[in-house]
Structure formats: structure tokens, C-alpha cells
Amino acid sequence: MSEINIPPKTRPEWCGMINGKINYQFTNYVLQIHIHKARKDVVSQKITMNTAVDNLYQLCTKYSLAVISDLKAVFGKW
């Protein structure tokens, strides 16, 4: 299985998706739910922003084929 390249974890859009500064309607339902839960967990201080970004990045790496269209819409080019 060839791995799809996803944007670097250092890009500010990762935090933007979690903190709500990037308000995009994701087409991938699992990604949408994951981001919503990450937002709630960061706000309630269950996890840090760094942990939320790490978790989101891992999800997107694992399921890159399924989320690539959403990532392209949010990040543009990388």
C-alpha cells in the first residue's frame, strides 16, 4: 500500500482546524467527528493542543486516502 503524503505537522492549519479558526465542513465523517471531539477535549482541558494535533495527524496519516480531499481543501498545497 503506497502512503499518501499529508501536510507537515508544523503547519498552523492543524491547530486552526481544532481551535475552530478554520471552519470547514469536512466531507469525511470520521474526520469531522474526530475534530469536534478534539475541540471539546482541548476546551475542557482534557488534552493539550499539541496532543490533539498529534492525534489528528496520526488519524490523517493512517487514513490518508480517505481524508486527502478534505486536507487539500484546508491546506491547499504542501
PDB file of N, CA and C in Angstrom:
ATOM      1  N   MET A   1       0.848  -1.191   0.000  1.00  0.00           N
ATOM      2  CA  MET A   1       0.000   0.000   0.000  1.00  0.00           C
ATOM      3  C   MET A   1       0.886   1.244   0.000  1.00  0.00           C
ATOM      4  N   SER A   2       0.706   2.095  -0.977  1.00  0.00           N
ATOM      5  CA  SER A   2       1.512   3.309  -1.028  1.00  0.00           C
ATOM      6  C   SER A   2       0.892   4.366  -0.120  1.00  0.00           C
ATOM      7  N   GLU A   3       1.751   5.051   0.604  1.00  0.00           N
ATOM      8  CA  GLU A   3       1.277   6.046   1.553  1.00  0.00           C
ATOM      9  C   GLU A   3       1.152   7.404   0.878  1.00  0.00           C
ATOM     10  N   ILE A   4       0.045   8.042   1.093  1.00  0.00           N
ATOM     11  CA  ILE A   4      -0.193   9.372   0.547  1.00  0.00           C
ATOM     12  C   ILE A   4       0.502  10.392   1.443  1.00  0.00           C
ATOM     13  N   ASN A   5       1.105  11.375   0.832  1.00  0.00           N
ATOM     14  CA  ASN A   5       1.760  12.438   1.563  1.00  0.00           C
ATOM     15  C   ASN A   5       0.704  13.385   2.151  1.00  0.00           C
ATOM     16  N   ILE A   6       0.837  13.720   3.433  1.00  0.00           N
ATOM     17  CA  ILE A   6      -0.068  14.693   4.041  1.00  0.00           C
ATOM     18  C   ILE A   6       0.752  15.899   4.502  1.00  0.00           C
ATOM     19  N   PRO A   7       0.092  17.021   4.784  1.00  0.00           N
ATOM     20  CA  PRO A   7       0.832  18.230   5.163  1.00  0.00           C
ATOM     21  C   PRO A   7       1.657  18.026   6.430  1.00  0.00           C
ATOM     22  N   PRO A   8       2.783  18.727   6.532  1.00  0.00           N
ATOM     23  CA  PRO A   8       3.625  18.621   7.734  1.00  0.00           C
ATOM     24  C   PRO A   8       2.861  19.026   8.991  1.00  0.00           C
ATOM     25  N   LYS A   9       3.194  18.384  10.082  1.00  0.00           N
ATOM     26  CA  LYS A   9       2.516  18.661  11.349  1.00  0.00           C
ATOM     27  C   LYS A   9       2.786  20.082  11.842  1.00  0.00           C
ATOM     28  N   THR A  10       3.814  20.714  11.322  1.00  0.00           N
ATOM     29  CA  THR A  10       4.173  22.064  11.751  1.00  0.00           C
ATOM     30  C   THR A  10       3.282  23.147  11.135  1.00  0.00           C
ATOM     31  N   ARG A  11       2.452  22.797  10.161  1.00  0.00           N
ATOM     32  CA  ARG A  11       1.576  23.782   9.528  1.00  0.00           C
ATOM     33  C   ARG A  11       0.515  24.267  10.524  1.00  0.00           C
ATOM     34  N   PRO A  12       0.248  25.579  10.550  1.00  0.00           N
ATOM     35  CA  PRO A  12      -0.710  26.135  11.523  1.00  0.00           C
ATOM     36  C   PRO A  12      -2.156  25.691  11.301  1.00  0.00           C
ATOM     37  N   GLU A  13      -2.456  25.172  10.110  1.00  0.00           N
ATOM     38  CA  GLU A  13      -3.823  24.740   9.824  1.00  0.00           C
ATOM     39  C   GLU A  13      -4.284  23.601  10.736  1.00  0.00           C
ATOM     40  N   TRP A  14      -3.339  22.774  11.209  1.00  0.00           N
ATOM     41  CA  TRP A  14      -3.711  21.683  12.109  1.00  0.00           C
ATOM     42  C   TRP A  14      -4.359  22.249  13.365  1.00  0.00           C
ATOM     43  N   CYS A  15      -3.724  23.256  13.962  1.00  0.00           N
ATOM     44  CA  CYS A  15      -4.312  23.907  15.139  1.00  0.00           C
ATOM     45  C   CYS A  15      -5.590  24.641  14.766  1.00  0.00           C
ATOM     46  N   GLY A  16      -5.594  25.254  13.606  1.00  0.00           N
ATOM     47  CA  GLY A  16      -6.762  26.003  13.158  1.00  0.00           C
ATOM     48  C   GLY A  16      -8.002  25.145  13.031  1.00  0.00           C
ATOM     49  N   MET A  17      -7.837  23.917  12.593  1.00  0.00           N
ATOM     50  CA  MET A  17      -8.985  23.007  12.490  1.00  0.00           C
ATOM     51  C   MET A  17      -9.522  22.667  13.876  1.00  0.00           C
ATOM     52  N   ILE A  18      -8.614  22.520  14.842  1.00  0.00           N
ATOM     53  CA  ILE A  18      -9.026  22.113  16.188  1.00  0.00           C
ATOM     54  C   ILE A  18      -9.597  23.300  16.979  1.00  0.00           C
ATOM     55  N   ASN A  19      -8.967  24.462  16.857  1.00  0.00           N
ATOM     56  CA  ASN A  19      -9.453  25.596  17.655  1.00  0.00           C
ATOM     57  C   ASN A  19     -10.621  26.327  17.003  1.00  0.00           C
ATOM     58  N   GLY A  20     -11.012  25.897  15.811  1.00  0.00           N
ATOM     59  CA  GLY A  20     -12.187  26.476  15.166  1.00  0.00           C
ATOM     60  C   GLY A  20     -11.907  27.669  14.285  1.00  0.00           C
ATOM     61  N   LYS A  21     -10.656  28.091  14.174  1.00  0.00           N
ATOM     62  CA  LYS A  21     -10.324  29.229  13.303  1.00  0.00           C
ATOM     63  C   LYS A  21     -10.507  28.864  11.835  1.00  0.00           C
ATOM     64  N   ILE A  22     -10.354  27.591  11.536  1.00  0.00           N
ATOM     65  CA  ILE A  22     -10.662  27.098  10.192  1.00  0.00           C
ATOM     66  C   ILE A  22     -11.996  26.376  10.304  1.00  0.00           C
ATOM     67  N   ASN A  23     -13.017  26.972   9.743  1.00  0.00           N
ATOM     68  CA  ASN A  23     -14.359  26.417   9.835  1.00  0.00           C
ATOM     69  C   ASN A  23     -14.725  25.836   8.477  1.00  0.00           C
ATOM     70  N   TYR A  24     -14.393  24.586   8.301  1.00  0.00           N
ATOM     71  CA  TYR A  24     -14.607  23.889   7.031  1.00  0.00           C
ATOM     72  C   TYR A  24     -15.535  22.709   7.282  1.00  0.00           C
ATOM     73  N   GLN A  25     -16.479  22.493   6.388  1.00  0.00           N
ATOM     74  CA  GLN A  25     -17.391  21.350   6.512  1.00  0.00           C
ATOM     75  C   GLN A  25     -16.728  20.127   5.881  1.00  0.00           C
ATOM     76  N   PHE A  26     -16.164  19.274   6.704  1.00  0.00           N
ATOM     77  CA  PHE A  26     -15.429  18.111   6.223  1.00  0.00           C
ATOM     78  C   PHE A  26     -16.366  17.105   5.582  1.00  0.00           C
ATOM     79  N   THR A  27     -15.919  16.517   4.484  1.00  0.00           N
ATOM     80  CA  THR A  27     -16.720  15.507   3.799  1.00  0.00           C
ATOM     81  C   THR A  27     -16.534  14.138   4.448  1.00  0.00           C
ATOM     82  N   ASN A  28     -15.390  13.910   5.080  1.00  0.00           N
ATOM     83  CA  ASN A  28     -15.142  12.646   5.757  1.00  0.00           C
ATOM     84  C   ASN A  28     -15.739  12.715   7.163  1.00  0.00           C
ATOM     85  N   TYR A  29     -16.734  11.879   7.408  1.00  0.00           N
ATOM     86  CA  TYR A  29     -17.470  11.937   8.666  1.00  0.00           C
ATOM     87  C   TYR A  29     -16.586  11.619   9.872  1.00  0.00           C
ATOM     88  N   VAL A  30     -15.725  10.638   9.752  1.00  0.00           N
ATOM     89  CA  VAL A  30     -14.845  10.261  10.865  1.00  0.00           C
ATOM     90  C   VAL A  30     -13.922  11.426  11.218  1.00  0.00           C
ATOM     91  N   LEU A  31     -13.396  12.083  10.206  1.00  0.00           N
ATOM     92  CA  LEU A  31     -12.533  13.246  10.431  1.00  0.00           C
ATOM     93  C   LEU A  31     -13.319  14.369  11.114  1.00  0.00           C
ATOM     94  N   GLN A  32     -14.523  14.596  10.659  1.00  0.00           N
ATOM     95  CA  GLN A  32     -15.391  15.620  11.234  1.00  0.00           C
ATOM     96  C   GLN A  32     -15.652  15.345  12.730  1.00  0.00           C
ATOM     97  N   ILE A  33     -15.977  14.119  13.064  1.00  0.00           N
ATOM     98  CA  ILE A  33     -16.242  13.743  14.449  1.00  0.00           C
ATOM     99  C   ILE A  33     -14.972  13.853  15.295  1.00  0.00           C
ATOM    100  N   HIS A  34     -13.859  13.412  14.742  1.00  0.00           N
ATOM    101  CA  HIS A  34     -12.588  13.454  15.471  1.00  0.00           C
ATOM    102  C   HIS A  34     -12.216  14.901  15.816  1.00  0.00           C
ATOM    103  N   ILE A  35     -12.377  15.798  14.873  1.00  0.00           N
ATOM    104  CA  ILE A  35     -12.042  17.209  15.114  1.00  0.00           C
ATOM    105  C   ILE A  35     -12.996  17.816  16.137  1.00  0.00           C
ATOM    106  N   HIS A  36     -14.268  17.494  16.036  1.00  0.00           N
ATOM    107  CA  HIS A  36     -15.244  18.005  17.002  1.00  0.00           C
ATOM    108  C   HIS A  36     -14.893  17.554  18.422  1.00  0.00           C
ATOM    109  N   LYS A  37     -14.548  16.275  18.576  1.00  0.00           N
ATOM    110  CA  LYS A  37     -14.181  15.751  19.889  1.00  0.00           C
ATOM    111  C   LYS A  37     -12.887  16.395  20.385  1.00  0.00           C
ATOM    112  N   ALA A  38     -11.925  16.582  19.482  1.00  0.00           N
ATOM    113  CA  ALA A  38     -10.655  17.213  19.869  1.00  0.00           C
ATOM    114  C   ALA A  38     -10.898  18.635  20.365  1.00  0.00           C
ATOM    115  N   ARG A  39     -11.781  19.373  19.685  1.00  0.00           N
ATOM    116  CA  ARG A  39     -12.125  20.739  20.116  1.00  0.00           C
ATOM    117  C   ARG A  39     -12.674  20.734  21.540  1.00  0.00           C
ATOM    118  N   LYS A  40     -13.628  19.841  21.791  1.00  0.00           N
ATOM    119  CA  LYS A  40     -14.239  19.760  23.120  1.00  0.00           C
ATOM    120  C   LYS A  40     -13.190  19.384  24.174  1.00  0.00           C
ATOM    121  N   ASP A  41     -12.320  18.434  23.853  1.00  0.00           N
ATOM    122  CA  ASP A  41     -11.317  17.976  24.812  1.00  0.00           C
ATOM    123  C   ASP A  41     -10.272  19.053  25.109  1.00  0.00           C
ATOM    124  N   VAL A  42      -9.914  19.851  24.123  1.00  0.00           N
ATOM    125  CA  VAL A  42      -8.949  20.934  24.345  1.00  0.00           C
ATOM    126  C   VAL A  42      -9.601  22.033  25.190  1.00  0.00           C
ATOM    127  N   VAL A  43     -10.838  22.388  24.858  1.00  0.00           N
ATOM    128  CA  VAL A  43     -11.544  23.432  25.611  1.00  0.00           C
ATOM    129  C   VAL A  43     -11.733  23.020  27.075  1.00  0.00           C
ATOM    130  N   SER A  44     -12.070  21.763  27.293  1.00  0.00           N
ATOM    131  CA  SER A  44     -12.279  21.280  28.665  1.00  0.00           C
ATOM    132  C   SER A  44     -10.963  20.889  29.345  1.00  0.00           C
ATOM    133  N   GLN A  45      -9.867  21.079  28.652  1.00  0.00           N
ATOM    134  CA  GLN A  45      -8.510  20.804  29.147  1.00  0.00           C
ATOM    135  C   GLN A  45      -8.276  19.337  29.490  1.00  0.00           C
ATOM    136  N   LYS A  46      -8.995  18.443  28.796  1.00  0.00           N
ATOM    137  CA  LYS A  46      -8.727  17.011  28.942  1.00  0.00           C
ATOM    138  C   LYS A  46      -7.411  16.654  28.255  1.00  0.00           C
ATOM    139  N   ILE A  47      -7.141  17.348  27.141  1.00  0.00           N
ATOM    140  CA  ILE A  47      -5.881  17.159  26.411  1.00  0.00           C
ATOM    141  C   ILE A  47      -5.334  18.528  26.006  1.00  0.00           C
ATOM    142  N   THR A  48      -4.043  18.566  25.676  1.00  0.00           N
ATOM    143  CA  THR A  48      -3.431  19.810  25.204  1.00  0.00           C
ATOM    144  C   THR A  48      -3.630  19.945  23.702  1.00  0.00           C
ATOM    145  N   MET A  49      -3.401  21.139  23.196  1.00  0.00           N
ATOM    146  CA  MET A  49      -3.489  21.358  21.749  1.00  0.00           C
ATOM    147  C   MET A  49      -2.478  20.480  21.027  1.00  0.00           C
ATOM    148  N   ASN A  50      -1.273  20.341  21.582  1.00  0.00           N
ATOM    149  CA  ASN A  50      -0.249  19.507  20.946  1.00  0.00           C
ATOM    150  C   ASN A  50      -0.700  18.055  20.843  1.00  0.00           C
ATOM    151  N   THR A  51      -1.314  17.546  21.888  1.00  0.00           N
ATOM    152  CA  THR A  51      -1.813  16.175  21.866  1.00  0.00           C
ATOM    153  C   THR A  51      -2.926  16.035  20.843  1.00  0.00           C
ATOM    154  N   ALA A  52      -3.809  17.018  20.784  1.00  0.00           N
ATOM    155  CA  ALA A  52      -4.905  16.990  19.813  1.00  0.00           C
ATOM    156  C   ALA A  52      -4.366  16.989  18.387  1.00  0.00           C
ATOM    157  N   VAL A  53      -3.359  17.810  18.121  1.00  0.00           N
ATOM    158  CA  VAL A  53      -2.749  17.854  16.786  1.00  0.00           C
ATOM    159  C   VAL A  53      -2.071  16.523  16.486  1.00  0.00           C
ATOM    160  N   ASP A  54      -1.356  15.968  17.457  1.00  0.00           N
ATOM    161  CA  ASP A  54      -0.703  14.661  17.265  1.00  0.00           C
ATOM    162  C   ASP A  54      -1.727  13.589  16.901  1.00  0.00           C
ATOM    163  N   ASN A  55      -2.838  13.555  17.643  1.00  0.00           N
ATOM    164  CA  ASN A  55      -3.872  12.558  17.388  1.00  0.00           C
ATOM    165  C   ASN A  55      -4.497  12.737  16.009  1.00  0.00           C
ATOM    166  N   LEU A  56      -4.781  13.971  15.650  1.00  0.00           N
ATOM    167  CA  LEU A  56      -5.372  14.265  14.342  1.00  0.00           C
ATOM    168  C   LEU A  56      -4.404  13.903  13.219  1.00  0.00           C
ATOM    169  N   TYR A  57      -3.138  14.233  13.410  1.00  0.00           N
ATOM    170  CA  TYR A  57      -2.117  13.921  12.410  1.00  0.00           C
ATOM    171  C   TYR A  57      -1.984  12.404  12.223  1.00  0.00           C
ATOM    172  N   GLN A  58      -2.010  11.665  13.323  1.00  0.00           N
ATOM    173  CA  GLN A  58      -1.923  10.204  13.242  1.00  0.00           C
ATOM    174  C   GLN A  58      -3.117   9.620  12.503  1.00  0.00           C
ATOM    175  N   LEU A  59      -4.306  10.144  12.795  1.00  0.00           N
ATOM    176  CA  LEU A  59      -5.514   9.685  12.105  1.00  0.00           C
ATOM    177  C   LEU A  59      -5.388   9.938  10.602  1.00  0.00           C
ATOM    178  N   CYS A  60      -4.954  11.148  10.245  1.00  0.00           N
ATOM    179  CA  CYS A  60      -4.851  11.511   8.831  1.00  0.00           C
ATOM    180  C   CYS A  60      -3.755  10.728   8.120  1.00  0.00           C
ATOM    181  N   THR A  61      -2.692  10.397   8.845  1.00  0.00           N
ATOM    182  CA  THR A  61      -1.633   9.576   8.259  1.00  0.00           C
ATOM    183  C   THR A  61      -2.151   8.167   7.985  1.00  0.00           C
ATOM    184  N   LYS A  62      -2.856   7.611   8.948  1.00  0.00           N
ATOM    185  CA  LYS A  62      -3.359   6.238   8.831  1.00  0.00           C
ATOM    186  C   LYS A  62      -4.405   6.111   7.723  1.00  0.00           C
ATOM    187  N   TYR A  63      -5.267   7.104   7.613  1.00  0.00           N
ATOM    188  CA  TYR A  63      -6.364   7.050   6.639  1.00  0.00           C
ATOM    189  C   TYR A  63      -6.217   8.141   5.574  1.00  0.00           C
ATOM    190  N   SER A  64      -4.989   8.333   5.119  1.00  0.00           N
ATOM    191  CA  SER A  64      -4.698   9.434   4.199  1.00  0.00           C
ATOM    192  C   SER A  64      -5.532   9.392   2.921  1.00  0.00           C
ATOM    193  N   LEU A  65      -5.766   8.206   2.386  1.00  0.00           N
ATOM    194  CA  LEU A  65      -6.584   8.119   1.165  1.00  0.00           C
ATOM    195  C   LEU A  65      -7.999   8.641   1.379  1.00  0.00           C
ATOM    196  N   ALA A  66      -8.538   8.387   2.562  1.00  0.00           N
ATOM    197  CA  ALA A  66      -9.916   8.775   2.851  1.00  0.00           C
ATOM    198  C   ALA A  66     -10.061  10.264   3.161  1.00  0.00           C
ATOM    199  N   VAL A  67      -8.994  10.899   3.645  1.00  0.00           N
ATOM    200  CA  VAL A  67      -9.099  12.301   4.069  1.00  0.00           C
ATOM    201  C   VAL A  67      -8.391  13.282   3.146  1.00  0.00           C
ATOM    202  N   ILE A  68      -7.749  12.783   2.099  1.00  0.00           N
ATOM    203  CA  ILE A  68      -6.911  13.651   1.269  1.00  0.00           C
ATOM    204  C   ILE A  68      -7.697  14.802   0.641  1.00  0.00           C
ATOM    205  N   SER A  69      -8.929  14.589   0.231  1.00  0.00           N
ATOM    206  CA  SER A  69      -9.692  15.682  -0.389  1.00  0.00           C
ATOM    207  C   SER A  69      -9.984  16.788   0.616  1.00  0.00           C
ATOM    208  N   ASP A  70     -10.298  16.419   1.853  1.00  0.00           N
ATOM    209  CA  ASP A  70     -10.504  17.430   2.889  1.00  0.00           C
ATOM    210  C   ASP A  70      -9.209  18.176   3.198  1.00  0.00           C
ATOM    211  N   LEU A  71      -8.104  17.460   3.271  1.00  0.00           N
ATOM    212  CA  LEU A  71      -6.828  18.108   3.555  1.00  0.00           C
ATOM    213  C   LEU A  71      -6.443  19.078   2.443  1.00  0.00           C
ATOM    214  N   LYS A  72      -6.684  18.693   1.200  1.00  0.00           N
ATOM    215  CA  LYS A  72      -6.382  19.593   0.080  1.00  0.00           C
ATOM    216  C   LYS A  72      -7.234  20.859   0.152  1.00  0.00           C
ATOM    217  N   ALA A  73      -8.487  20.716   0.572  1.00  0.00           N
ATOM    218  CA  ALA A  73      -9.380  21.877   0.685  1.00  0.00           C
ATOM    219  C   ALA A  73      -8.897  22.824   1.793  1.00  0.00           C
ATOM    220  N   VAL A  74      -8.405  22.277   2.887  1.00  0.00           N
ATOM    221  CA  VAL A  74      -7.981  23.090   4.019  1.00  0.00           C
ATOM    222  C   VAL A  74      -6.570  23.660   3.802  1.00  0.00           C
ATOM    223  N   PHE A  75      -5.655  22.816   3.359  1.00  0.00           N
ATOM    224  CA  PHE A  75      -4.241  23.218   3.289  1.00  0.00           C
ATOM    225  C   PHE A  75      -3.828  23.771   1.919  1.00  0.00           C
ATOM    226  N   GLY A  76      -4.592  23.481   0.884  1.00  0.00           N
ATOM    227  CA  GLY A  76      -4.158  23.875  -0.451  1.00  0.00           C
ATOM    228  C   GLY A  76      -3.018  22.974  -0.882  1.00  0.00           C
ATOM    229  N   LYS A  77      -1.847  23.544  -1.061  1.00  0.00           N
ATOM    230  CA  LYS A  77      -0.667  22.769  -1.460  1.00  0.00           C
ATOM    231  C   LYS A  77       0.308  22.675  -0.311  1.00  0.00           C
ATOM    232  N   TRP A  78       1.093  21.607  -0.321  1.00  0.00           N
ATOM    233  CA  TRP A  78       2.163  21.442   0.669  1.00  0.00           C
ATOM    234  C   TRP A  78       3.331  20.744   0.060  1.00  0.00           C
TER     235      TRP A  78
END
